[in-house]
Amino acid sequence: MKRKFSDRANWRRILKKNYACIPMDEPYFRGFVTLYRIQDLRDPLWKEYNGKRMCLADKGYLWTQHYPRGSTSS
């Protein structure tokens, strides 16, 4: 089984971060919500999509992900 982790521990470019994982059990969402805040990094992460260059990770950026309970993919 392939496992994915939301704490981005394998991101070597990140030098300092904050991470929180919050369980939710509400009628509109059951599962986990994660928040990842980049405080410092070696180099920003730039990617090109449809001919547009976009910065995906830089100092001060926030990532949030939702993991619904019972989901087989994330």
C-alpha atoms as a PDB file:
ATOM      1  CA  MET A   1       0.000   0.000   0.000  1.00  0.00           C
ATOM      2  CA  LYS A   2       1.314   3.452  -0.934  1.00  0.00           C
ATOM      3  CA  ARG A   3       1.347   5.915   1.976  1.00  0.00           C
ATOM      4  CA  LYS A   4       1.317   9.676   1.791  1.00  0.00           C
ATOM      5  CA  PHE A   5       2.266  12.064   4.565  1.00  0.00           C
ATOM      6  CA  SER A   6       0.950  15.597   4.931  1.00  0.00           C
ATOM      7  CA  ASP A   7       3.821  16.916   7.077  1.00  0.00           C
ATOM      8  CA  ARG A   8       6.125  17.209   4.029  1.00  0.00           C
ATOM      9  CA  ALA A   9       9.034  15.694   5.985  1.00  0.00           C
ATOM     10  CA  ASN A  10      10.755  14.800   2.686  1.00  0.00           C
ATOM     11  CA  TRP A  11      10.922  18.432   1.492  1.00  0.00           C
ATOM     12  CA  ARG A  12      14.633  19.123   1.922  1.00  0.00           C
ATOM     13  CA  ARG A  13      14.283  22.722   0.717  1.00  0.00           C
ATOM     14  CA  ILE A  14      12.283  23.611   3.865  1.00  0.00           C
ATOM     15  CA  LEU A  15      14.448  24.894   6.728  1.00  0.00           C
ATOM     16  CA  LYS A  16      11.750  25.931   9.221  1.00  0.00           C
ATOM     17  CA  LYS A  17       8.033  25.128   9.318  1.00  0.00           C
ATOM     18  CA  ASN A  18       4.929  24.786  11.486  1.00  0.00           C
ATOM     19  CA  TYR A  19       2.523  21.896  11.066  1.00  0.00           C
ATOM     20  CA  ALA A  20      -0.871  21.125  12.580  1.00  0.00           C
ATOM     21  CA  CYS A  21      -3.293  18.246  12.043  1.00  0.00           C
ATOM     22  CA  ILE A  22      -6.849  18.748  13.276  1.00  0.00           C
ATOM     23  CA  PRO A  23      -9.407  15.927  13.481  1.00  0.00           C
ATOM     24  CA  MET A  24     -12.913  17.002  12.453  1.00  0.00           C
ATOM     25  CA  ASP A  25     -16.203  15.247  13.070  1.00  0.00           C
ATOM     26  CA  GLU A  26     -18.846  17.582  11.669  1.00  0.00           C
ATOM     27  CA  PRO A  27     -21.883  16.817   9.490  1.00  0.00           C
ATOM     28  CA  TYR A  28     -20.239  18.561   6.506  1.00  0.00           C
ATOM     29  CA  PHE A  29     -16.791  16.935   6.930  1.00  0.00           C
ATOM     30  CA  ARG A  30     -15.378  13.951   8.826  1.00  0.00           C
ATOM     31  CA  GLY A  31     -11.642  13.310   8.744  1.00  0.00           C
ATOM     32  CA  PHE A  32      -8.489  15.375   9.171  1.00  0.00           C
ATOM     33  CA  VAL A  33      -7.522  18.869   8.072  1.00  0.00           C
ATOM     34  CA  THR A  34      -3.816  19.729   7.987  1.00  0.00           C
ATOM     35  CA  LEU A  35      -2.064  23.093   7.856  1.00  0.00           C
ATOM     36  CA  TYR A  36       1.580  23.459   6.840  1.00  0.00           C
ATOM     37  CA  ARG A  37       3.239  26.889   7.146  1.00  0.00           C
ATOM     38  CA  ILE A  38       6.610  27.539   5.491  1.00  0.00           C
ATOM     39  CA  GLN A  39       8.705  29.860   7.638  1.00  0.00           C
ATOM     40  CA  ASP A  40      12.082  29.529   5.894  1.00  0.00           C
ATOM     41  CA  LEU A  41      13.425  27.589   2.906  1.00  0.00           C
ATOM     42  CA  ARG A  42      16.517  27.255   0.722  1.00  0.00           C
ATOM     43  CA  ASP A  43      14.867  28.189  -2.584  1.00  0.00           C
ATOM     44  CA  PRO A  44      11.273  28.859  -3.654  1.00  0.00           C
ATOM     45  CA  LEU A  45       9.587  26.074  -5.657  1.00  0.00           C
ATOM     46  CA  TRP A  46       8.591  27.191  -9.161  1.00  0.00           C
ATOM     47  CA  LYS A  47       6.684  25.048 -11.684  1.00  0.00           C
ATOM     48  CA  GLU A  48       5.212  25.683 -15.095  1.00  0.00           C
ATOM     49  CA  TYR A  49       1.543  24.856 -15.793  1.00  0.00           C
ATOM     50  CA  ASN A  50      -0.119  25.544 -19.148  1.00  0.00           C
ATOM     51  CA  GLY A  51       2.722  27.854 -20.127  1.00  0.00           C
ATOM     52  CA  LYS A  52       2.493  29.888 -16.914  1.00  0.00           C
ATOM     53  CA  ARG A  53       5.288  29.936 -14.331  1.00  0.00           C
ATOM     54  CA  MET A  54       3.887  29.638 -10.804  1.00  0.00           C
ATOM     55  CA  CYS A  55       5.497  29.754  -7.369  1.00  0.00           C
ATOM     56  CA  LEU A  56       4.145  26.827  -5.318  1.00  0.00           C
ATOM     57  CA  ALA A  57       6.258  27.195  -2.163  1.00  0.00           C
ATOM     58  CA  ASP A  58       7.958  30.223  -0.650  1.00  0.00           C
ATOM     59  CA  LYS A  59       8.530  31.873   2.715  1.00  0.00           C
ATOM     60  CA  GLY A  60       5.181  32.593   4.387  1.00  0.00           C
ATOM     61  CA  TYR A  61       3.165  30.222   2.165  1.00  0.00           C
ATOM     62  CA  LEU A  62       0.463  28.017   3.699  1.00  0.00           C
ATOM     63  CA  TRP A  63      -0.645  24.571   2.517  1.00  0.00           C
ATOM     64  CA  THR A  64      -3.888  23.030   3.669  1.00  0.00           C
ATOM     65  CA  GLN A  65      -5.096  19.526   2.884  1.00  0.00           C
ATOM     66  CA  HIS A  66      -8.263  17.620   3.712  1.00  0.00           C
ATOM     67  CA  TYR A  67      -8.279  13.870   4.350  1.00  0.00           C
ATOM     68  CA  PRO A  68     -11.843  12.564   4.486  1.00  0.00           C
ATOM     69  CA  ARG A  69     -12.402   9.587   6.758  1.00  0.00           C
ATOM     70  CA  GLY A  70     -12.618   6.384   4.741  1.00  0.00           C
ATOM     71  CA  SER A  71     -10.931   7.883   1.686  1.00  0.00           C
ATOM     72  CA  THR A  72      -8.566   5.572  -0.183  1.00  0.00           C
ATOM     73  CA  SER A  73      -6.627   8.401  -1.857  1.00  0.00           C
ATOM     74  CA  SER A  74      -5.233  11.722  -0.684  1.00  0.00           C
END
